[in-house]
Amino acid sequence: MIVWKPTENRAVTIGQSTGCGRSGTGVVPVAVPMAAMLSIGLWGVDRGGMWGDESVTFLVARRTVPQIWRLLHEVDAVHGLYYLFMHVVLTVHPGEVVLRLPSVCAATATAGLVAALGVRLAGPRVGLWAGLLYAITPMTGHYAQEGRSYALVAAGVAGATLLLLRAVEAATVRAWWPYGAVVGLTCLLHVLAALVLCAHAVTLAVLRVPRRVWSGWGAAAGAAVLLLLPLVWVSRGQAGQVAWLVTPGWDKAEQVVRHFSPGPAGAVFWAGLLLMAAGLRERGPAAVALPLMLVPPGILLAVSQVRPLFHDRYVFYALAGVPLLVAAGAGRVAGALERVRCEGRRVRLRGRWKRAVLGVAGVLALLVAFVHQLPDHRRDRRSAHRPDNLAAVSAFAVRHLRPGDPVLFVPSVGRLAALAYPKGFRRARDIALRESAPRSGTLWGREAIPGELRLRLASVDRVWVVAEPYALDPRWSPSDPVERTKLAVLREEFALRQEHVRGGAVLRLHVRREPADVHAVSPGAAMRARLPASRPETPRTRPRPERS
């Protein structure tokens, strides 16, 4: 813990175990959580299929650098640095497991950094528990196995927080350089990571650091913000990517609390809350953990009341504060248990044995908590737990589409299945496509204009439709005239013959309507066809999620 001594004009470090720098007490509390997180991250990392946002990472990263650069001028500028990084990674081997390995490694590093923060603030025991708590949290395991940038952002924020404490303790100008560099790089990975600067400002205020520390931090933070301004400027023109977000209510705040907890419900959840309350009594850990876990989500929730921008994955990095505070509370409870009374006399275990017994007891309690949450971890490793599974869509196409069959994607985002897994659609004909995605500098290509599309559909007697579930809702009214044309032609000139639901998408065979065709299903009946009742993460009842 860092406390400023104003009368001496210097910072002193207290609250650390005297042996935390020795081998075995400084290394083990960091290495054990990293090993646990690596094991959890690699467990079931090959789910057998990518979901939509992962497929975007996969497809964009496999383009050439000039093609990626052209795309970023139109869409996804906020993910530009991540795409360029993944371009290098996928050069090694373009596979689904390799796509997720950077996230696994980043989550492993974050577990170690959380442990290192705990060691620095409250000693090796609290550090060990904090790192393990981070590793066993179901939300951590979820993003550790996702081919997106969120696990990398979490690692950057945890690293920046550790560098913040080191810079405050060192009290030199040069100590702020690494902090500014890590914060700037992290914000380039995702622009909303800049909210961590507000959390760090609160931490400095609670620690009551002097003016020259504020000056060093301000210079480093200002440099990071200046580096970020061009990205913010470009992203403003791409704000339509998050138009699907809605104004969050109290239910969203409760959801964040449960997702950030080591257990979303039951005894683990309530035990975590009680230990967090106890951790508030530990000034050092609380000064770091509480702003980290509350300030970024709180600011984003407040801003989203005016302009919806909130999704819990955008502030996933704030989760690192929760295990720190829970572990600090557990350390406080353990400290109270270090002394026991027997027949009115105080009995003490010898120091080393006492700490060892309580440390092992804490690890065993965490093991019990992990076993309690094991069903959640297993469920998360099934492809059905993601919003969609494009591999399943392609597998269906392999079995049912005939050579030369025309395919219509409603809306065009559905083309991701054909782009990510082309085997199923290689023999088919994309009847609406005018220019491929890489050549057009878009995510899923440019389609024919409405008049040309009508002519193309007029030349076929049957067409397979790959649709997002929300596109089949009669209330859906797309702003794109091409999408309106697709729906109009299908409604006026074709009748439904088959319908199948695979991987979160609806695949339908439509045949040209004939007066004598008694087998065709009316459009009204088609719209009333049953679809999956719910999606496990973000409901696909609006245009493409993510793209932000």
Protein backbone atom coordinates (compact mmCIF):
# COMPACT_ATOMS: atom_id res chain seq x y z
CA MET A 1 0.00 0.00 0.00
CA ILE A 2 1.28 3.47 -0.86
CA VAL A 3 0.82 6.26 1.65
CA TRP A 4 2.15 9.77 1.15
CA LYS A 5 3.95 11.39 4.07
CA PRO A 6 3.40 15.09 3.48
CA THR A 7 5.73 16.18 6.30
CA GLU A 8 8.58 14.18 4.79
CA ASN A 9 7.62 14.89 1.13
CA ARG A 10 8.08 11.27 0.18
CA ALA A 11 6.06 8.09 -0.36
CA VAL A 12 6.50 4.98 1.72
CA THR A 13 5.24 1.49 1.02
CA ILE A 14 3.51 -0.40 3.77
CA GLY A 15 1.25 -3.41 4.01
CA GLN A 16 3.50 -5.80 2.11
CA SER A 17 4.81 -8.94 3.62
CA THR A 18 8.47 -8.66 4.45
CA GLY A 19 9.15 -11.78 2.50
CA CYS A 20 7.29 -10.90 -0.64
CA GLY A 21 10.45 -10.25 -2.56
CA ARG A 22 11.94 -13.65 -1.84
CA SER A 23 11.75 -16.51 -4.29
CA GLY A 24 8.75 -18.61 -3.38
CA THR A 25 6.78 -15.75 -1.86
CA GLY A 26 7.03 -13.27 -4.73
CA VAL A 27 6.95 -15.70 -7.66
CA VAL A 28 4.51 -18.39 -6.53
CA PRO A 29 1.53 -16.06 -5.85
CA VAL A 30 1.84 -14.81 -9.44
CA ALA A 31 2.78 -18.05 -11.19
CA VAL A 32 -0.01 -20.19 -9.71
CA PRO A 33 -2.89 -17.96 -10.92
CA MET A 34 -1.25 -17.71 -14.34
CA ALA A 35 -1.03 -21.50 -14.59
CA ALA A 36 -4.67 -21.83 -13.49
CA MET A 37 -5.84 -19.22 -16.01
CA LEU A 38 -3.86 -20.82 -18.81
CA SER A 39 -5.43 -24.22 -18.04
CA ILE A 40 -8.94 -22.77 -17.91
CA GLY A 41 -8.35 -20.76 -21.08
CA LEU A 42 -7.07 -23.74 -23.08
CA TRP A 43 -9.84 -26.03 -21.83
CA GLY A 44 -12.29 -26.39 -24.71
CA VAL A 45 -10.76 -23.54 -26.72
CA ASP A 46 -11.67 -25.35 -29.95
CA ARG A 47 -15.46 -25.06 -29.85
CA GLY A 48 -15.87 -26.30 -33.40
CA GLY A 49 -17.06 -23.04 -34.90
CA MET A 50 -16.70 -19.26 -34.88
CA TRP A 51 -19.51 -16.90 -34.09
CA GLY A 52 -20.12 -13.73 -36.09
CA ASP A 53 -17.75 -11.28 -34.41
CA GLU A 54 -14.95 -13.82 -34.29
CA SER A 55 -15.44 -14.49 -37.98
CA VAL A 56 -15.01 -10.77 -38.67
CA THR A 57 -11.66 -10.85 -36.85
CA PHE A 58 -10.66 -13.93 -38.81
CA LEU A 59 -11.68 -12.55 -42.20
CA VAL A 60 -10.32 -9.03 -41.76
CA ALA A 61 -7.01 -10.20 -40.29
CA ARG A 62 -6.43 -12.44 -43.32
CA ARG A 63 -6.66 -9.52 -45.74
CA THR A 64 -3.59 -7.64 -46.88
CA VAL A 65 -2.46 -4.61 -44.88
CA PRO A 66 -3.63 -2.16 -47.62
CA GLN A 67 -7.03 -3.87 -47.65
CA ILE A 68 -7.29 -3.61 -43.86
CA TRP A 69 -6.29 0.04 -43.98
CA ARG A 70 -8.97 0.74 -46.60
CA LEU A 71 -11.61 -1.02 -44.51
CA LEU A 72 -10.78 1.02 -41.41
CA HIS A 73 -11.66 4.21 -43.25
CA GLU A 74 -15.20 2.90 -43.64
CA VAL A 75 -15.87 0.74 -40.57
CA ASP A 76 -14.31 -0.80 -37.45
CA ALA A 77 -11.63 1.86 -36.95
CA VAL A 78 -11.79 1.21 -33.20
CA HIS A 79 -10.49 -2.32 -33.83
CA GLY A 80 -7.80 -1.33 -36.32
CA LEU A 81 -4.75 -2.02 -34.13
CA TYR A 82 -6.21 -5.37 -33.07
CA TYR A 83 -6.83 -6.40 -36.68
CA LEU A 84 -3.27 -5.53 -37.64
CA PHE A 85 -1.97 -7.51 -34.68
CA MET A 86 -4.12 -10.51 -35.60
CA HIS A 87 -2.93 -10.20 -39.21
CA VAL A 88 0.55 -11.04 -37.93
CA VAL A 89 -0.74 -13.82 -35.65
CA LEU A 90 -2.78 -15.56 -38.33
CA THR A 91 0.18 -15.49 -40.68
CA VAL A 92 1.58 -18.30 -38.52
CA HIS A 93 -1.50 -20.48 -39.03
CA PRO A 94 -5.01 -19.33 -40.03
CA GLY A 95 -7.08 -21.45 -37.65
CA GLU A 96 -9.77 -21.01 -35.02
CA VAL A 97 -7.55 -22.06 -32.12
CA VAL A 98 -4.78 -19.68 -33.18
CA LEU A 99 -7.42 -16.96 -33.47
CA ARG A 100 -8.24 -17.36 -29.77
CA LEU A 101 -4.74 -17.98 -28.43
CA PRO A 102 -3.87 -14.26 -28.03
CA SER A 103 -6.91 -13.88 -25.79
CA VAL A 104 -5.91 -16.94 -23.76
CA CYS A 105 -2.39 -15.54 -23.32
CA ALA A 106 -3.73 -12.09 -22.44
CA ALA A 107 -6.08 -13.52 -19.81
CA THR A 108 -3.17 -15.50 -18.38
CA ALA A 109 -1.09 -12.34 -18.15
CA THR A 110 -3.99 -10.46 -16.53
CA ALA A 111 -4.35 -13.13 -13.83
CA GLY A 112 -0.65 -12.71 -13.07
CA LEU A 113 -0.93 -8.91 -13.03
CA VAL A 114 -3.93 -9.00 -10.68
CA ALA A 115 -1.93 -11.28 -8.41
CA ALA A 116 1.04 -8.90 -8.59
CA LEU A 117 -1.25 -6.01 -7.63
CA GLY A 118 -2.51 -7.99 -4.65
CA VAL A 119 1.04 -8.83 -3.58
CA ARG A 120 2.07 -5.20 -3.82
CA LEU A 121 -0.95 -3.90 -1.95
CA ALA A 122 -1.54 -6.54 0.72
CA GLY A 123 1.07 -9.29 0.55
CA PRO A 124 1.58 -12.68 -1.16
CA ARG A 125 -1.45 -14.40 0.34
CA VAL A 126 -3.92 -11.79 -0.88
CA GLY A 127 -2.13 -11.67 -4.23
CA LEU A 128 -2.45 -15.43 -4.69
CA TRP A 129 -6.14 -15.37 -3.84
CA ALA A 130 -6.84 -12.35 -6.07
CA GLY A 131 -5.15 -13.93 -9.08
CA LEU A 132 -6.99 -17.23 -8.60
CA LEU A 133 -10.31 -15.43 -8.15
CA TYR A 134 -9.76 -13.66 -11.45
CA ALA A 135 -8.94 -16.96 -13.15
CA ILE A 136 -12.05 -18.82 -11.96
CA THR A 137 -14.55 -16.04 -12.71
CA PRO A 138 -16.84 -17.33 -15.52
CA MET A 139 -16.80 -14.00 -17.39
CA THR A 140 -13.00 -14.13 -17.50
CA GLY A 141 -13.10 -17.60 -19.05
CA HIS A 142 -15.65 -16.41 -21.59
CA TYR A 143 -13.48 -13.62 -23.01
CA ALA A 144 -10.31 -15.67 -22.66
CA GLN A 145 -11.73 -17.86 -25.42
CA GLU A 146 -13.03 -15.18 -27.74
CA GLY A 147 -11.22 -13.97 -30.84
CA ARG A 148 -11.78 -10.31 -30.02
CA SER A 149 -9.73 -7.62 -28.29
CA TYR A 150 -11.36 -7.53 -24.86
CA ALA A 151 -8.95 -9.88 -23.05
CA LEU A 152 -6.00 -7.90 -24.44
CA VAL A 153 -7.55 -4.65 -23.24
CA ALA A 154 -8.01 -6.16 -19.76
CA ALA A 155 -4.32 -7.13 -19.69
CA GLY A 156 -3.33 -3.61 -20.71
CA VAL A 157 -5.46 -2.00 -18.00
CA ALA A 158 -4.14 -4.34 -15.29
CA GLY A 159 -0.58 -3.65 -16.42
CA ALA A 160 -1.20 0.11 -16.45
CA THR A 161 -2.63 -0.05 -12.92
CA LEU A 162 0.47 -1.84 -11.66
CA LEU A 163 2.70 0.70 -13.41
CA LEU A 164 0.64 3.49 -11.81
CA LEU A 165 1.51 2.22 -8.33
CA ARG A 166 5.17 1.87 -9.25
CA ALA A 167 5.29 5.37 -10.68
CA VAL A 168 3.66 6.87 -7.57
CA GLU A 169 6.11 5.04 -5.35
CA ALA A 170 9.14 6.00 -7.46
CA ALA A 171 8.04 9.65 -7.68
CA THR A 172 10.25 10.33 -10.73
CA VAL A 173 9.36 11.69 -14.15
CA ARG A 174 10.90 8.72 -15.96
CA ALA A 175 8.69 6.29 -14.02
CA TRP A 176 5.62 7.68 -15.80
CA TRP A 177 6.86 6.85 -19.31
CA PRO A 178 5.98 3.12 -19.18
CA TYR A 179 2.59 3.97 -17.69
CA GLY A 180 1.76 6.43 -20.46
CA ALA A 181 2.93 4.02 -23.15
CA VAL A 182 0.83 1.11 -21.85
CA VAL A 183 -2.27 3.27 -21.37
CA GLY A 184 -1.93 4.71 -24.87
CA LEU A 185 -1.48 1.29 -26.48
CA THR A 186 -4.43 -0.12 -24.53
CA CYS A 187 -6.70 2.75 -25.57
CA LEU A 188 -5.75 2.16 -29.21
CA LEU A 189 -6.95 -1.43 -28.80
CA HIS A 190 -10.33 -0.11 -27.66
CA VAL A 191 -11.19 3.55 -27.26
CA LEU A 192 -13.39 3.02 -24.18
CA ALA A 193 -10.38 1.79 -22.23
CA ALA A 194 -9.65 5.51 -21.77
CA LEU A 195 -12.20 5.47 -18.95
CA VAL A 196 -9.59 3.76 -16.79
CA LEU A 197 -7.84 7.14 -16.57
CA CYS A 198 -10.80 8.39 -14.55
CA ALA A 199 -10.47 5.41 -12.21
CA HIS A 200 -6.75 6.08 -11.77
CA ALA A 201 -7.47 9.74 -11.01
CA VAL A 202 -9.83 8.67 -8.21
CA THR A 203 -7.14 6.34 -6.86
CA LEU A 204 -4.61 9.18 -6.73
CA ALA A 205 -7.15 11.39 -4.99
CA VAL A 206 -7.84 8.75 -2.34
CA LEU A 207 -4.10 8.25 -1.77
CA ARG A 208 -3.71 12.04 -1.41
CA VAL A 209 -0.60 12.27 -3.52
CA PRO A 210 1.15 15.65 -3.86
CA ARG A 211 1.09 18.01 -6.80
CA ARG A 212 4.22 16.69 -8.52
CA VAL A 213 2.71 13.19 -8.68
CA TRP A 214 -0.40 14.68 -10.23
CA SER A 215 1.81 16.50 -12.72
CA GLY A 216 3.57 13.29 -13.75
CA TRP A 217 0.32 11.42 -14.09
CA GLY A 218 -1.31 14.29 -15.97
CA ALA A 219 1.51 14.42 -18.51
CA ALA A 220 1.34 10.65 -19.10
CA ALA A 221 -2.46 10.61 -19.32
CA GLY A 222 -2.47 13.67 -21.58
CA ALA A 223 -0.01 12.04 -23.97
CA ALA A 224 -2.22 8.94 -24.14
CA VAL A 225 -5.32 11.04 -24.85
CA LEU A 226 -3.53 13.00 -27.58
CA LEU A 227 -2.50 9.72 -29.18
CA LEU A 228 -6.12 8.61 -29.08
CA LEU A 229 -7.72 11.75 -30.56
CA PRO A 230 -7.31 10.79 -34.26
CA LEU A 231 -8.99 7.45 -33.58
CA VAL A 232 -11.85 9.19 -31.76
CA TRP A 233 -12.29 11.57 -34.67
CA VAL A 234 -12.50 8.76 -37.23
CA SER A 235 -14.78 6.70 -35.00
CA ARG A 236 -17.31 9.50 -34.73
CA GLY A 237 -18.16 8.99 -38.39
CA GLN A 238 -18.74 5.29 -37.74
CA ALA A 239 -21.11 5.75 -34.80
CA GLY A 240 -23.83 3.85 -36.67
CA GLN A 241 -22.04 0.64 -35.72
CA VAL A 242 -23.42 0.90 -32.18
CA ALA A 243 -26.89 2.10 -33.21
CA TRP A 244 -28.27 -1.26 -32.04
CA LEU A 245 -27.45 -0.48 -28.39
CA VAL A 246 -30.32 0.59 -26.17
CA THR A 247 -30.50 2.76 -23.06
CA PRO A 248 -29.45 0.58 -20.10
CA GLY A 249 -31.60 0.36 -16.99
CA TRP A 250 -31.08 -0.93 -13.48
CA ASP A 251 -31.38 -4.48 -14.77
CA LYS A 252 -28.22 -3.92 -16.81
CA ALA A 253 -26.38 -2.63 -13.75
CA GLU A 254 -27.43 -5.74 -11.81
CA GLN A 255 -26.27 -7.92 -14.70
CA VAL A 256 -22.84 -6.29 -14.60
CA VAL A 257 -22.56 -6.91 -10.85
CA ARG A 258 -23.39 -10.58 -11.29
CA HIS A 259 -21.12 -11.05 -14.31
CA PHE A 260 -18.20 -9.42 -12.50
CA SER A 261 -18.68 -11.66 -9.46
CA PRO A 262 -16.74 -14.93 -9.09
CA GLY A 263 -20.19 -16.53 -9.19
CA PRO A 264 -23.29 -14.93 -10.77
CA ALA A 265 -25.66 -16.42 -8.19
CA GLY A 266 -25.91 -18.56 -5.09
CA ALA A 267 -23.53 -18.87 -2.16
CA VAL A 268 -20.46 -17.82 -4.15
CA PHE A 269 -22.09 -14.56 -5.19
CA TRP A 270 -23.22 -13.58 -1.69
CA ALA A 271 -19.95 -14.65 -0.11
CA GLY A 272 -18.14 -12.45 -2.63
CA LEU A 273 -20.29 -9.45 -1.71
CA LEU A 274 -19.62 -9.95 2.01
CA LEU A 275 -15.88 -10.22 1.46
CA MET A 276 -15.91 -7.10 -0.72
CA ALA A 277 -17.57 -5.24 2.16
CA ALA A 278 -14.81 -6.45 4.45
CA GLY A 279 -12.20 -5.44 1.86
CA LEU A 280 -13.38 -1.83 2.01
CA ARG A 281 -11.65 -1.63 5.41
CA GLU A 282 -8.28 -2.22 3.71
CA ARG A 283 -7.35 1.25 2.52
CA GLY A 284 -4.64 0.32 0.01
CA PRO A 285 -6.50 -2.38 -1.94
CA ALA A 286 -9.77 -0.46 -1.73
CA ALA A 287 -8.15 2.71 -3.11
CA VAL A 288 -7.12 0.79 -6.24
CA ALA A 289 -9.83 -1.84 -6.64
CA LEU A 290 -12.97 0.16 -5.91
CA PRO A 291 -12.41 2.93 -8.51
CA LEU A 292 -11.33 0.34 -11.08
CA MET A 293 -14.48 -1.74 -10.70
CA LEU A 294 -16.96 1.14 -10.35
CA VAL A 295 -15.79 4.20 -12.26
CA PRO A 296 -15.56 2.94 -15.90
CA PRO A 297 -18.90 1.05 -15.81
CA GLY A 298 -20.54 3.89 -13.88
CA ILE A 299 -19.45 6.56 -16.36
CA LEU A 300 -20.48 4.48 -19.37
CA LEU A 301 -23.87 3.68 -17.83
CA ALA A 302 -24.44 7.38 -17.12
CA VAL A 303 -23.42 8.49 -20.62
CA SER A 304 -25.60 5.79 -22.13
CA GLN A 305 -28.69 7.40 -20.62
CA VAL A 306 -28.18 10.16 -23.20
CA ARG A 307 -26.40 8.26 -25.98
CA PRO A 308 -26.50 4.46 -25.65
CA LEU A 309 -22.96 3.08 -25.71
CA PHE A 310 -23.04 0.51 -22.93
CA HIS A 311 -22.21 -3.15 -23.21
CA ASP A 312 -20.50 -5.04 -20.41
CA ARG A 313 -17.75 -6.29 -22.73
CA TYR A 314 -16.67 -2.69 -23.33
CA VAL A 315 -15.78 -2.40 -19.63
CA PHE A 316 -14.75 -6.00 -19.08
CA TYR A 317 -11.33 -4.73 -17.96
CA ALA A 318 -12.97 -3.25 -14.83
CA LEU A 319 -13.60 -6.78 -13.55
CA ALA A 320 -10.00 -6.91 -12.29
CA GLY A 321 -10.97 -4.73 -9.34
CA VAL A 322 -13.45 -7.28 -7.99
CA PRO A 323 -11.02 -10.14 -7.15
CA LEU A 324 -8.63 -7.60 -5.61
CA LEU A 325 -11.30 -6.33 -3.24
CA VAL A 326 -12.68 -9.80 -2.47
CA ALA A 327 -9.20 -11.13 -1.74
CA ALA A 328 -8.44 -8.13 0.47
CA GLY A 329 -11.60 -8.87 2.45
CA ALA A 330 -10.63 -12.54 2.71
CA GLY A 331 -7.19 -11.45 3.93
CA ARG A 332 -8.78 -9.33 6.61
CA VAL A 333 -10.93 -12.25 7.76
CA ALA A 334 -7.89 -14.52 7.73
CA GLY A 335 -6.03 -12.01 9.86
CA ALA A 336 -8.80 -12.19 12.43
CA LEU A 337 -8.60 -15.97 12.40
CA GLU A 338 -4.86 -16.06 12.90
CA ARG A 339 -5.49 -15.80 16.64
CA VAL A 340 -7.72 -18.28 18.39
CA ARG A 341 -8.61 -18.67 22.05
CA CYS A 342 -8.62 -21.91 23.96
CA GLU A 343 -9.78 -22.05 27.60
CA GLY A 344 -9.30 -18.34 27.97
CA ARG A 345 -5.70 -18.36 26.81
CA ARG A 346 -4.57 -17.00 23.48
CA VAL A 347 -2.94 -19.65 21.34
CA ARG A 348 -0.85 -18.79 18.27
CA LEU A 349 0.37 -21.03 15.52
CA ARG A 350 3.96 -20.31 14.61
CA GLY A 351 4.14 -17.57 12.00
CA ARG A 352 5.11 -19.58 8.90
CA TRP A 353 2.75 -22.48 9.64
CA LYS A 354 -0.06 -20.12 10.48
CA ARG A 355 0.22 -18.31 7.16
CA ALA A 356 0.59 -21.59 5.27
CA VAL A 357 -2.52 -23.16 6.81
CA LEU A 358 -4.67 -20.12 6.12
CA GLY A 359 -3.25 -19.76 2.61
CA VAL A 360 -4.04 -23.37 1.77
CA ALA A 361 -7.51 -23.02 3.30
CA GLY A 362 -8.15 -20.03 1.04
CA VAL A 363 -7.01 -21.93 -2.05
CA LEU A 364 -9.28 -24.86 -1.11
CA ALA A 365 -12.20 -22.45 -0.72
CA LEU A 366 -11.48 -21.11 -4.20
CA LEU A 367 -11.37 -24.66 -5.54
CA VAL A 368 -14.81 -25.31 -4.03
CA ALA A 369 -16.06 -22.08 -5.64
CA PHE A 370 -14.69 -23.17 -9.01
CA VAL A 371 -16.36 -26.59 -8.74
CA HIS A 372 -19.60 -24.82 -7.84
CA GLN A 373 -19.33 -22.74 -11.04
CA LEU A 374 -18.20 -25.67 -13.19
CA PRO A 375 -21.57 -26.01 -14.98
CA ASP A 376 -21.28 -22.35 -16.10
CA HIS A 377 -17.77 -22.94 -17.43
CA ARG A 378 -18.85 -26.08 -19.28
CA ARG A 379 -21.86 -24.35 -20.78
CA ASP A 380 -19.71 -21.49 -22.00
CA ARG A 381 -17.47 -23.89 -23.92
CA ARG A 382 -20.32 -25.11 -26.10
CA SER A 383 -20.73 -23.38 -29.44
CA ALA A 384 -24.47 -23.11 -28.77
CA HIS A 385 -23.71 -20.69 -25.93
CA ARG A 386 -22.49 -18.03 -28.37
CA PRO A 387 -24.93 -15.89 -30.35
CA ASP A 388 -24.42 -18.01 -33.47
CA ASN A 389 -22.28 -20.76 -34.97
CA LEU A 390 -21.33 -20.13 -38.57
CA ALA A 391 -19.74 -23.57 -38.96
CA ALA A 392 -23.14 -25.19 -38.35
CA VAL A 393 -24.71 -22.99 -41.04
CA SER A 394 -22.05 -24.01 -43.54
CA ALA A 395 -22.38 -27.69 -42.60
CA PHE A 396 -26.09 -27.54 -43.37
CA ALA A 397 -25.36 -25.92 -46.73
CA VAL A 398 -22.96 -28.74 -47.63
CA ARG A 399 -25.73 -31.29 -47.16
CA HIS A 400 -28.67 -29.48 -48.73
CA LEU A 401 -27.55 -26.99 -51.37
CA ARG A 402 -27.27 -28.28 -54.93
CA PRO A 403 -24.65 -27.07 -57.43
CA GLY A 404 -25.75 -23.75 -58.89
CA ASP A 405 -28.43 -23.07 -56.28
CA PRO A 406 -28.93 -19.31 -55.80
CA VAL A 407 -28.47 -18.07 -52.22
CA LEU A 408 -29.84 -14.82 -50.82
CA PHE A 409 -28.56 -13.44 -47.51
CA VAL A 410 -31.09 -11.43 -45.50
CA PRO A 411 -29.59 -9.11 -44.41
CA SER A 412 -26.18 -9.08 -46.04
CA VAL A 413 -24.42 -9.70 -42.71
CA GLY A 414 -25.53 -13.32 -43.08
CA ARG A 415 -22.89 -13.65 -45.77
CA LEU A 416 -20.33 -14.06 -42.96
CA ALA A 417 -21.15 -17.76 -42.85
CA ALA A 418 -20.19 -18.16 -46.52
CA LEU A 419 -17.06 -16.05 -46.10
CA ALA A 420 -15.79 -17.74 -42.94
CA TYR A 421 -16.73 -21.28 -44.03
CA PRO A 422 -16.85 -21.20 -47.85
CA LYS A 423 -16.99 -24.99 -48.26
CA GLY A 424 -20.75 -25.12 -47.76
CA PHE A 425 -21.45 -22.38 -50.30
CA ARG A 426 -18.74 -23.04 -52.85
CA ARG A 427 -21.14 -24.72 -55.30
CA ALA A 428 -23.90 -22.16 -54.74
CA ARG A 429 -24.39 -18.79 -56.43
CA ASP A 430 -24.58 -15.64 -54.33
CA ILE A 431 -27.33 -14.03 -56.34
CA ALA A 432 -27.16 -10.56 -54.74
CA LEU A 433 -23.39 -10.07 -54.56
CA ARG A 434 -21.93 -7.44 -56.88
CA GLU A 435 -18.41 -6.96 -55.43
CA SER A 436 -16.50 -9.08 -52.90
CA ALA A 437 -15.77 -7.85 -49.38
CA PRO A 438 -11.97 -7.41 -49.75
CA ARG A 439 -12.25 -5.65 -53.12
CA SER A 440 -15.04 -3.34 -51.96
CA GLY A 441 -13.35 -2.41 -48.66
CA THR A 442 -16.39 -3.59 -46.67
CA LEU A 443 -17.04 -6.36 -44.16
CA TRP A 444 -19.39 -8.49 -46.25
CA GLY A 445 -19.31 -7.08 -49.79
CA ARG A 446 -21.47 -4.81 -51.92
CA GLU A 447 -24.75 -6.02 -53.33
CA ALA A 448 -26.65 -5.26 -56.52
CA ILE A 449 -28.89 -2.21 -56.61
CA PRO A 450 -32.65 -2.88 -56.18
CA GLY A 451 -33.50 -2.89 -59.92
CA GLU A 452 -30.66 -5.24 -60.80
CA LEU A 453 -31.51 -7.50 -57.88
CA ARG A 454 -35.11 -7.84 -59.07
CA LEU A 455 -33.88 -8.88 -62.52
CA ARG A 456 -31.54 -11.47 -61.03
CA LEU A 457 -34.28 -12.97 -58.85
CA ALA A 458 -36.68 -13.00 -61.80
CA SER A 459 -34.37 -15.43 -63.56
CA VAL A 460 -34.58 -18.18 -60.92
CA ASP A 461 -37.37 -20.50 -59.85
CA ARG A 462 -35.95 -21.39 -56.45
CA VAL A 463 -33.69 -19.62 -53.99
CA TRP A 464 -32.18 -20.51 -50.62
CA VAL A 465 -32.47 -17.72 -48.06
CA VAL A 466 -30.01 -17.49 -45.16
CA ALA A 467 -31.67 -15.10 -42.73
CA GLU A 468 -31.00 -13.60 -39.34
CA PRO A 469 -33.97 -14.33 -37.02
CA TYR A 470 -34.80 -10.65 -36.58
CA ALA A 471 -35.13 -10.27 -40.38
CA LEU A 472 -38.13 -12.60 -40.33
CA ASP A 473 -40.03 -10.45 -37.89
CA PRO A 474 -42.87 -8.73 -39.79
CA ARG A 475 -42.18 -5.59 -37.77
CA TRP A 476 -38.61 -5.32 -39.09
CA SER A 477 -38.38 -2.43 -41.52
CA PRO A 478 -34.84 -2.08 -42.90
CA SER A 479 -33.61 1.34 -44.00
CA ASP A 480 -31.50 -0.19 -46.78
CA PRO A 481 -33.52 -0.29 -50.05
CA VAL A 482 -31.70 -3.46 -51.10
CA GLU A 483 -32.92 -5.28 -48.01
CA ARG A 484 -36.45 -3.97 -48.57
CA THR A 485 -36.28 -5.28 -52.14
CA LYS A 486 -35.24 -8.73 -50.95
CA LEU A 487 -38.21 -8.94 -48.60
CA ALA A 488 -40.64 -7.57 -51.17
CA VAL A 489 -39.61 -10.01 -53.94
CA LEU A 490 -39.73 -12.99 -51.58
CA ARG A 491 -43.16 -11.97 -50.36
CA GLU A 492 -44.63 -11.24 -53.79
CA GLU A 493 -43.06 -13.84 -56.06
CA PHE A 494 -41.96 -16.80 -53.93
CA ALA A 495 -43.49 -19.25 -51.51
CA LEU A 496 -41.82 -21.05 -48.64
CA ARG A 497 -41.14 -24.78 -49.08
CA GLN A 498 -38.62 -25.64 -46.33
CA GLU A 499 -37.32 -24.06 -43.17
CA HIS A 500 -34.40 -25.08 -40.96
CA VAL A 501 -32.73 -23.43 -37.97
CA ARG A 502 -28.98 -24.00 -37.68
CA GLY A 503 -26.31 -22.17 -35.73
CA GLY A 504 -28.54 -19.22 -34.87
CA ALA A 505 -29.54 -18.62 -38.50
CA VAL A 506 -32.71 -19.55 -40.37
CA LEU A 507 -32.28 -21.29 -43.73
CA ARG A 508 -35.30 -21.37 -46.01
CA LEU A 509 -35.95 -22.75 -49.46
CA HIS A 510 -38.31 -20.55 -51.47
CA VAL A 511 -39.83 -21.56 -54.81
CA ARG A 512 -41.49 -19.35 -57.36
CA ARG A 513 -45.18 -18.96 -56.60
CA GLU A 514 -47.59 -20.76 -58.94
CA PRO A 515 -51.38 -20.56 -58.78
CA ALA A 516 -51.67 -24.34 -58.70
CA ASP A 517 -48.91 -24.82 -56.13
CA VAL A 518 -50.89 -26.12 -53.17
CA HIS A 519 -47.77 -27.15 -51.29
CA ALA A 520 -46.39 -23.65 -50.82
CA VAL A 521 -46.61 -22.11 -47.41
CA SER A 522 -48.06 -18.60 -47.26
CA PRO A 523 -45.76 -15.79 -46.14
CA GLY A 524 -48.00 -15.11 -43.16
CA ALA A 525 -47.61 -18.68 -41.95
CA ALA A 526 -43.89 -18.48 -42.56
CA MET A 527 -43.60 -15.42 -40.37
CA ARG A 528 -45.34 -17.29 -37.58
CA ALA A 529 -42.87 -20.17 -37.75
CA ARG A 530 -41.22 -20.90 -34.46
CA LEU A 531 -37.70 -19.62 -33.93
CA PRO A 532 -35.33 -20.15 -31.00
CA ALA A 533 -36.80 -18.49 -27.94
CA SER A 534 -33.58 -16.90 -26.73
CA ARG A 535 -29.91 -16.43 -27.41
CA PRO A 536 -27.38 -17.02 -24.69
CA GLU A 537 -25.51 -13.71 -24.99
CA THR A 538 -26.65 -10.76 -27.07
CA PRO A 539 -30.12 -11.34 -28.59
CA ARG A 540 -30.01 -11.25 -32.36
CA THR A 541 -33.16 -9.16 -32.63
CA ARG A 542 -31.46 -6.19 -34.25
CA PRO A 543 -28.77 -5.55 -36.86
CA ARG A 544 -25.32 -6.98 -36.46
CA PRO A 545 -24.04 -6.82 -32.86
CA GLU A 546 -20.54 -5.56 -32.07
CA ARG A 547 -18.93 -3.63 -34.92
CA SER A 548 -17.69 -1.06 -32.41
